[in-house]
PDB file of N, CA and C in Angstrom:
ATOM      1  N   MET A   1     -80.442 -40.150 -91.868  1.00  0.00           N
ATOM      2  CA  MET A   1     -81.848 -39.960 -91.640  1.00  0.00           C
ATOM      3  C   MET A   1     -82.058 -38.630 -90.927  1.00  0.00           C
ATOM      4  N   CYS A   2     -83.071 -37.916 -91.317  1.00  0.00           N
ATOM      5  CA  CYS A   2     -83.403 -36.627 -90.699  1.00  0.00           C
ATOM      6  C   CYS A   2     -84.642 -36.800 -89.829  1.00  0.00           C
ATOM      7  N   LEU A   3     -84.730 -35.981 -88.814  1.00  0.00           N
ATOM      8  CA  LEU A   3     -85.852 -36.063 -87.901  1.00  0.00           C
ATOM      9  C   LEU A   3     -86.473 -34.684 -87.740  1.00  0.00           C
ATOM     10  N   GLY A   4     -87.772 -34.584 -88.005  1.00  0.00           N
ATOM     11  CA  GLY A   4     -88.519 -33.357 -87.752  1.00  0.00           C
ATOM     12  C   GLY A   4     -89.279 -33.527 -86.448  1.00  0.00           C
ATOM     13  N   ILE A   5     -89.351 -32.478 -85.671  1.00  0.00           N
ATOM     14  CA  ILE A   5     -90.012 -32.526 -84.361  1.00  0.00           C
ATOM     15  C   ILE A   5     -91.257 -31.639 -84.390  1.00  0.00           C
ATOM     16  N   PRO A   6     -92.402 -32.172 -83.974  1.00  0.00           N
ATOM     17  CA  PRO A   6     -93.588 -31.323 -83.853  1.00  0.00           C
ATOM     18  C   PRO A   6     -93.374 -30.304 -82.739  1.00  0.00           C
ATOM     19  N   MET A   7     -93.621 -29.044 -83.056  1.00  0.00           N
ATOM     20  CA  MET A   7     -93.478 -27.976 -82.071  1.00  0.00           C
ATOM     21  C   MET A   7     -94.681 -27.043 -82.189  1.00  0.00           C
ATOM     22  N   ARG A   8     -95.131 -26.549 -81.027  1.00  0.00           N
ATOM     23  CA  ARG A   8     -96.306 -25.654 -80.997  1.00  0.00           C
ATOM     24  C   ARG A   8     -95.851 -24.213 -81.162  1.00  0.00           C
ATOM     25  N   VAL A   9     -96.556 -23.480 -82.011  1.00  0.00           N
ATOM     26  CA  VAL A   9     -96.264 -22.064 -82.231  1.00  0.00           C
ATOM     27  C   VAL A   9     -96.803 -21.269 -81.048  1.00  0.00           C
ATOM     28  N   SER A  10     -95.897 -20.546 -80.362  1.00  0.00           N
ATOM     29  CA  SER A  10     -96.333 -19.749 -79.211  1.00  0.00           C
ATOM     30  C   SER A  10     -96.391 -18.259 -79.535  1.00  0.00           C
ATOM     31  N   LYS A  11     -95.675 -17.841 -80.576  1.00  0.00           N
ATOM     32  CA  LYS A  11     -95.677 -16.424 -80.935  1.00  0.00           C
ATOM     33  C   LYS A  11     -95.214 -16.281 -82.383  1.00  0.00           C
ATOM     34  N   LEU A  12     -95.899 -15.436 -83.135  1.00  0.00           N
ATOM     35  CA  LEU A  12     -95.468 -15.125 -84.499  1.00  0.00           C
ATOM     36  C   LEU A  12     -94.492 -13.962 -84.443  1.00  0.00           C
ATOM     37  N   LEU A  13     -93.403 -14.080 -85.200  1.00  0.00           N
ATOM     38  CA  LEU A  13     -92.362 -13.054 -85.245  1.00  0.00           C
ATOM     39  C   LEU A  13     -92.247 -12.543 -86.680  1.00  0.00           C
ATOM     40  N   PRO A  14     -93.003 -11.484 -87.013  1.00  0.00           N
ATOM     41  CA  PRO A  14     -92.995 -10.979 -88.387  1.00  0.00           C
ATOM     42  C   PRO A  14     -91.589 -10.636 -88.850  1.00  0.00           C
ATOM     43  N   PRO A  15     -91.269 -10.787 -90.117  1.00  0.00           N
ATOM     44  CA  PRO A  15     -92.247 -11.130 -91.149  1.00  0.00           C
ATOM     45  C   PRO A  15     -92.414 -12.623 -91.393  1.00  0.00           C
ATOM     46  N   ASP A  16     -91.461 -13.469 -91.019  1.00  0.00           N
ATOM     47  CA  ASP A  16     -91.541 -14.862 -91.473  1.00  0.00           C
ATOM     48  C   ASP A  16     -90.937 -15.862 -90.483  1.00  0.00           C
ATOM     49  N   LYS A  17     -91.065 -15.581 -89.188  1.00  0.00           N
ATOM     50  CA  LYS A  17     -90.554 -16.500 -88.176  1.00  0.00           C
ATOM     51  C   LYS A  17     -91.593 -16.682 -87.075  1.00  0.00           C
ATOM     52  N   ALA A  18     -91.354 -17.688 -86.251  1.00  0.00           N
ATOM     53  CA  ALA A  18     -92.219 -17.930 -85.097  1.00  0.00           C
ATOM     54  C   ALA A  18     -91.374 -18.456 -83.958  1.00  0.00           C
ATOM     55  N   LEU A  19     -91.832 -18.200 -82.750  1.00  0.00           N
ATOM     56  CA  LEU A  19     -91.268 -18.843 -81.569  1.00  0.00           C
ATOM     57  C   LEU A  19     -92.058 -20.134 -81.406  1.00  0.00           C
ATOM     58  N   VAL A  20     -91.351 -21.267 -81.372  1.00  0.00           N
ATOM     59  CA  VAL A  20     -91.999 -22.570 -81.254  1.00  0.00           C
ATOM     60  C   VAL A  20     -91.487 -23.277 -80.013  1.00  0.00           C
ATOM     61  N   GLU A  21     -92.321 -24.177 -79.449  1.00  0.00           N
ATOM     62  CA  GLU A  21     -91.981 -24.859 -78.202  1.00  0.00           C
ATOM     63  C   GLU A  21     -92.338 -26.333 -78.267  1.00  0.00           C
ATOM     64  N   SER A  22     -91.527 -27.127 -77.614  1.00  0.00           N
ATOM     65  CA  SER A  22     -91.833 -28.537 -77.390  1.00  0.00           C
ATOM     66  C   SER A  22     -91.212 -28.919 -76.049  1.00  0.00           C
ATOM     67  N   GLY A  23     -92.051 -29.234 -75.095  1.00  0.00           N
ATOM     68  CA  GLY A  23     -91.546 -29.514 -73.751  1.00  0.00           C
ATOM     69  C   GLY A  23     -90.873 -28.278 -73.183  1.00  0.00           C
ATOM     70  N   ARG A  24     -89.626 -28.433 -72.729  1.00  0.00           N
ATOM     71  CA  ARG A  24     -88.886 -27.299 -72.155  1.00  0.00           C
ATOM     72  C   ARG A  24     -88.049 -26.564 -73.197  1.00  0.00           C
ATOM     73  N   ILE A  25     -88.140 -26.986 -74.456  1.00  0.00           N
ATOM     74  CA  ILE A  25     -87.339 -26.388 -75.529  1.00  0.00           C
ATOM     75  C   ILE A  25     -88.159 -25.334 -76.263  1.00  0.00           C
ATOM     76  N   SER A  26     -87.564 -24.169 -76.469  1.00  0.00           N
ATOM     77  CA  SER A  26     -88.181 -23.157 -77.329  1.00  0.00           C
ATOM     78  C   SER A  26     -87.103 -22.602 -78.248  1.00  0.00           C
ATOM     79  N   MET A  27     -87.520 -22.225 -79.448  1.00  0.00           N
ATOM     80  CA  MET A  27     -86.580 -21.714 -80.442  1.00  0.00           C
ATOM     81  C   MET A  27     -87.334 -20.917 -81.490  1.00  0.00           C
ATOM     82  N   GLU A  28     -86.597 -20.169 -82.283  1.00  0.00           N
ATOM     83  CA  GLU A  28     -87.178 -19.499 -83.434  1.00  0.00           C
ATOM     84  C   GLU A  28     -87.113 -20.440 -84.623  1.00  0.00           C
ATOM     85  N   ALA A  29     -88.177 -20.456 -85.408  1.00  0.00           N
ATOM     86  CA  ALA A  29     -88.207 -21.270 -86.620  1.00  0.00           C
ATOM     87  C   ALA A  29     -88.688 -20.404 -87.777  1.00  0.00           C
ATOM     88  N   SER A  30     -88.111 -20.629 -88.934  1.00  0.00           N
ATOM     89  CA  SER A  30     -88.530 -19.927 -90.141  1.00  0.00           C
ATOM     90  C   SER A  30     -89.861 -20.487 -90.629  1.00  0.00           C
ATOM     91  N   LEU A  31     -90.738 -19.592 -91.071  1.00  0.00           N
ATOM     92  CA  LEU A  31     -92.037 -19.988 -91.637  1.00  0.00           C
ATOM     93  C   LEU A  31     -92.069 -19.819 -93.149  1.00  0.00           C
ATOM     94  N   LEU A  32     -90.905 -19.665 -93.776  1.00  0.00           N
ATOM     95  CA  LEU A  32     -90.845 -19.427 -95.214  1.00  0.00           C
ATOM     96  C   LEU A  32     -91.448 -20.560 -96.043  1.00  0.00           C
ATOM     97  N   LEU A  33     -91.480 -21.776 -95.515  1.00  0.00           N
ATOM     98  CA  LEU A  33     -91.932 -22.925 -96.294  1.00  0.00           C
ATOM     99  C   LEU A  33     -93.387 -23.319 -96.030  1.00  0.00           C
ATOM    100  N   VAL A  34     -94.078 -22.595 -95.141  1.00  0.00           N
ATOM    101  CA  VAL A  34     -95.470 -22.928 -94.805  1.00  0.00           C
ATOM    102  C   VAL A  34     -96.345 -21.683 -94.893  1.00  0.00           C
ATOM    103  N   ASP A  35     -97.633 -21.910 -95.064  1.00  0.00           N
ATOM    104  CA  ASP A  35     -98.599 -20.814 -95.161  1.00  0.00           C
ATOM    105  C   ASP A  35     -99.611 -20.892 -94.018  1.00  0.00           C
ATOM    106  N   ASP A  36    -100.192 -19.754 -93.706  1.00  0.00           N
ATOM    107  CA  ASP A  36    -101.330 -19.663 -92.790  1.00  0.00           C
ATOM    108  C   ASP A  36    -101.078 -20.292 -91.420  1.00  0.00           C
ATOM    109  N   VAL A  37     -99.944 -20.004 -90.823  1.00  0.00           N
ATOM    110  CA  VAL A  37     -99.629 -20.513 -89.490  1.00  0.00           C
ATOM    111  C   VAL A  37    -100.187 -19.552 -88.447  1.00  0.00           C
ATOM    112  N   LYS A  38    -100.815 -20.116 -87.414  1.00  0.00           N
ATOM    113  CA  LYS A  38    -101.387 -19.323 -86.340  1.00  0.00           C
ATOM    114  C   LYS A  38    -100.803 -19.768 -85.001  1.00  0.00           C
ATOM    115  N   VAL A  39    -100.852 -18.883 -84.017  1.00  0.00           N
ATOM    116  CA  VAL A  39    -100.445 -19.243 -82.664  1.00  0.00           C
ATOM    117  C   VAL A  39    -101.306 -20.419 -82.218  1.00  0.00           C
ATOM    118  N   GLY A  40    -100.665 -21.419 -81.639  1.00  0.00           N
ATOM    119  CA  GLY A  40    -101.354 -22.626 -81.201  1.00  0.00           C
ATOM    120  C   GLY A  40    -101.237 -23.783 -82.173  1.00  0.00           C
ATOM    121  N   ASP A  41    -100.891 -23.501 -83.435  1.00  0.00           N
ATOM    122  CA  ASP A  41    -100.683 -24.560 -84.424  1.00  0.00           C
ATOM    123  C   ASP A  41     -99.441 -25.362 -84.070  1.00  0.00           C
ATOM    124  N   TYR A  42     -99.428 -26.619 -84.492  1.00  0.00           N
ATOM    125  CA  TYR A  42     -98.220 -27.425 -84.436  1.00  0.00           C
ATOM    126  C   TYR A  42     -97.583 -27.422 -85.816  1.00  0.00           C
ATOM    127  N   VAL A  43     -96.266 -27.251 -85.839  1.00  0.00           N
ATOM    128  CA  VAL A  43     -95.523 -27.332 -87.097  1.00  0.00           C
ATOM    129  C   VAL A  43     -94.423 -28.374 -86.936  1.00  0.00           C
ATOM    130  N   LEU A  44     -94.083 -29.027 -88.037  1.00  0.00           N
ATOM    131  CA  LEU A  44     -92.988 -29.990 -88.045  1.00  0.00           C
ATOM    132  C   LEU A  44     -91.713 -29.211 -88.337  1.00  0.00           C
ATOM    133  N   VAL A  45     -90.769 -29.205 -87.387  1.00  0.00           N
ATOM    134  CA  VAL A  45     -89.558 -28.384 -87.488  1.00  0.00           C
ATOM    135  C   VAL A  45     -88.337 -29.262 -87.721  1.00  0.00           C
ATOM    136  N   HIS A  46     -87.552 -28.887 -88.708  1.00  0.00           N
ATOM    137  CA  HIS A  46     -86.270 -29.541 -88.996  1.00  0.00           C
ATOM    138  C   HIS A  46     -85.269 -28.461 -89.379  1.00  0.00           C
ATOM    139  N   ALA A  47     -84.128 -28.465 -88.726  1.00  0.00           N
ATOM    140  CA  ALA A  47     -83.024 -27.544 -89.035  1.00  0.00           C
ATOM    141  C   ALA A  47     -83.470 -26.085 -89.035  1.00  0.00           C
ATOM    142  N   GLY A  48     -84.377 -25.746 -88.111  1.00  0.00           N
ATOM    143  CA  GLY A  48     -84.796 -24.361 -87.965  1.00  0.00           C
ATOM    144  C   GLY A  48     -85.885 -23.907 -88.914  1.00  0.00           C
ATOM    145  N   PHE A  49     -86.427 -24.825 -89.714  1.00  0.00           N
ATOM    146  CA  PHE A  49     -87.493 -24.496 -90.650  1.00  0.00           C
ATOM    147  C   PHE A  49     -88.748 -25.291 -90.327  1.00  0.00           C
ATOM    148  N   ALA A  50     -89.893 -24.623 -90.331  1.00  0.00           N
ATOM    149  CA  ALA A  50     -91.172 -25.320 -90.243  1.00  0.00           C
ATOM    150  C   ALA A  50     -91.449 -25.893 -91.627  1.00  0.00           C
ATOM    151  N   LEU A  51     -91.610 -27.211 -91.708  1.00  0.00           N
ATOM    152  CA  LEU A  51     -91.803 -27.871 -92.996  1.00  0.00           C
ATOM    153  C   LEU A  51     -93.266 -28.061 -93.348  1.00  0.00           C
ATOM    154  N   GLU A  52     -94.120 -28.201 -92.326  1.00  0.00           N
ATOM    155  CA  GLU A  52     -95.554 -28.343 -92.573  1.00  0.00           C
ATOM    156  C   GLU A  52     -96.321 -28.034 -91.304  1.00  0.00           C
ATOM    157  N   VAL A  53     -97.574 -27.641 -91.475  1.00  0.00           N
ATOM    158  CA  VAL A  53     -98.481 -27.464 -90.345  1.00  0.00           C
ATOM    159  C   VAL A  53     -99.097 -28.832 -90.085  1.00  0.00           C
ATOM    160  N   MET A  54     -99.078 -29.248 -88.814  1.00  0.00           N
ATOM    161  CA  MET A  54     -99.554 -30.581 -88.456  1.00  0.00           C
ATOM    162  C   MET A  54    -100.923 -30.547 -87.788  1.00  0.00           C
ATOM    163  N   ASP A  55    -101.668 -31.603 -87.965  1.00  0.00           N
ATOM    164  CA  ASP A  55    -102.897 -31.834 -87.245  1.00  0.00           C
ATOM    165  C   ASP A  55    -102.549 -32.030 -85.765  1.00  0.00           C
ATOM    166  N   VAL A  56    -103.339 -31.476 -84.868  1.00  0.00           N
ATOM    167  CA  VAL A  56    -103.052 -31.541 -83.430  1.00  0.00           C
ATOM    168  C   VAL A  56    -102.907 -32.979 -82.949  1.00  0.00           C
ATOM    169  N   GLU A  57    -103.821 -33.844 -83.355  1.00  0.00           N
ATOM    170  CA  GLU A  57    -103.769 -35.233 -82.893  1.00  0.00           C
ATOM    171  C   GLU A  57    -102.501 -35.934 -83.382  1.00  0.00           C
ATOM    172  N   ALA A  58    -102.139 -35.712 -84.632  1.00  0.00           N
ATOM    173  CA  ALA A  58    -100.927 -36.334 -85.183  1.00  0.00           C
ATOM    174  C   ALA A  58     -99.677 -35.813 -84.476  1.00  0.00           C
ATOM    175  N   ALA A  59     -99.641 -34.515 -84.199  1.00  0.00           N
ATOM    176  CA  ALA A  59     -98.488 -33.929 -83.513  1.00  0.00           C
ATOM    177  C   ALA A  59     -98.352 -34.499 -82.103  1.00  0.00           C
ATOM    178  N   GLU A  60     -99.452 -34.570 -81.372  1.00  0.00           N
ATOM    179  CA  GLU A  60     -99.400 -35.086 -80.005  1.00  0.00           C
ATOM    180  C   GLU A  60     -99.046 -36.568 -79.971  1.00  0.00           C
ATOM    181  N   GLU A  61     -99.544 -37.350 -80.929  1.00  0.00           N
ATOM    182  CA  GLU A  61     -99.199 -38.769 -81.000  1.00  0.00           C
ATOM    183  C   GLU A  61     -97.714 -38.949 -81.323  1.00  0.00           C
ATOM    184  N   THR A  62     -97.191 -38.154 -82.239  1.00  0.00           N
ATOM    185  CA  THR A  62     -95.769 -38.219 -82.586  1.00  0.00           C
ATOM    186  C   THR A  62     -94.906 -37.877 -81.382  1.00  0.00           C
ATOM    187  N   LEU A  63     -95.270 -36.828 -80.661  1.00  0.00           N
ATOM    188  CA  LEU A  63     -94.516 -36.454 -79.459  1.00  0.00           C
ATOM    189  C   LEU A  63     -94.579 -37.553 -78.401  1.00  0.00           C
ATOM    190  N   ARG A  64     -95.738 -38.173 -78.246  1.00  0.00           N
ATOM    191  CA  ARG A  64     -95.883 -39.267 -77.287  1.00  0.00           C
ATOM    192  C   ARG A  64     -94.951 -40.425 -77.655  1.00  0.00           C
ATOM    193  N   LEU A  65     -94.917 -40.778 -78.947  1.00  0.00           N
ATOM    194  CA  LEU A  65     -94.050 -41.881 -79.396  1.00  0.00           C
ATOM    195  C   LEU A  65     -92.581 -41.535 -79.227  1.00  0.00           C
ATOM    196  N   LEU A  66     -92.197 -40.303 -79.539  1.00  0.00           N
ATOM    197  CA  LEU A  66     -90.800 -39.894 -79.358  1.00  0.00           C
ATOM    198  C   LEU A  66     -90.397 -39.948 -77.888  1.00  0.00           C
ATOM    199  N   ASN A  67     -91.267 -39.479 -77.012  1.00  0.00           N
ATOM    200  CA  ASN A  67     -90.994 -39.540 -75.573  1.00  0.00           C
ATOM    201  C   ASN A  67     -90.897 -40.976 -75.081  1.00  0.00           C
ATOM    202  N   GLU A  68     -91.739 -41.837 -75.623  1.00  0.00           N
ATOM    203  CA  GLU A  68     -91.704 -43.248 -75.254  1.00  0.00           C
ATOM    204  C   GLU A  68     -90.376 -43.890 -75.675  1.00  0.00           C
ATOM    205  N   MET A  69     -89.893 -43.548 -76.862  1.00  0.00           N
ATOM    206  CA  MET A  69     -88.625 -44.088 -77.339  1.00  0.00           C
ATOM    207  C   MET A  69     -87.458 -43.628 -76.461  1.00  0.00           C
ATOM    208  N   VAL A  70     -87.485 -42.379 -76.055  1.00  0.00           N
ATOM    209  CA  VAL A  70     -86.401 -41.828 -75.243  1.00  0.00           C
ATOM    210  C   VAL A  70     -86.376 -42.461 -73.855  1.00  0.00           C
ATOM    211  N   SER A  71     -87.532 -42.734 -73.296  1.00  0.00           N
ATOM    212  CA  SER A  71     -87.584 -43.257 -71.936  1.00  0.00           C
ATOM    213  C   SER A  71     -87.468 -44.775 -71.866  1.00  0.00           C
ATOM    214  N   SER A  72     -87.359 -45.467 -73.006  1.00  0.00           N
ATOM    215  CA  SER A  72     -87.196 -46.932 -72.963  1.00  0.00           C
ATOM    216  C   SER A  72     -85.758 -47.318 -72.838  1.00  0.00           C
TER     217      SER A  72
END
């Protein structure tokens, strides 16, 4: 099973990467598979690739559930 993590875009790195963050984690992610990404957007990241741009509410709910699972 693979797991994608919602991460917020904090900086665009031309031509096709972004600095993304979730909690205390930040990393570079490829934007080759998504279009029209802006700073502040949430993207679903797996294996260093942004797979889709996420709705803010869905991203925050997913992060809340993941945090809940880890702390149980």
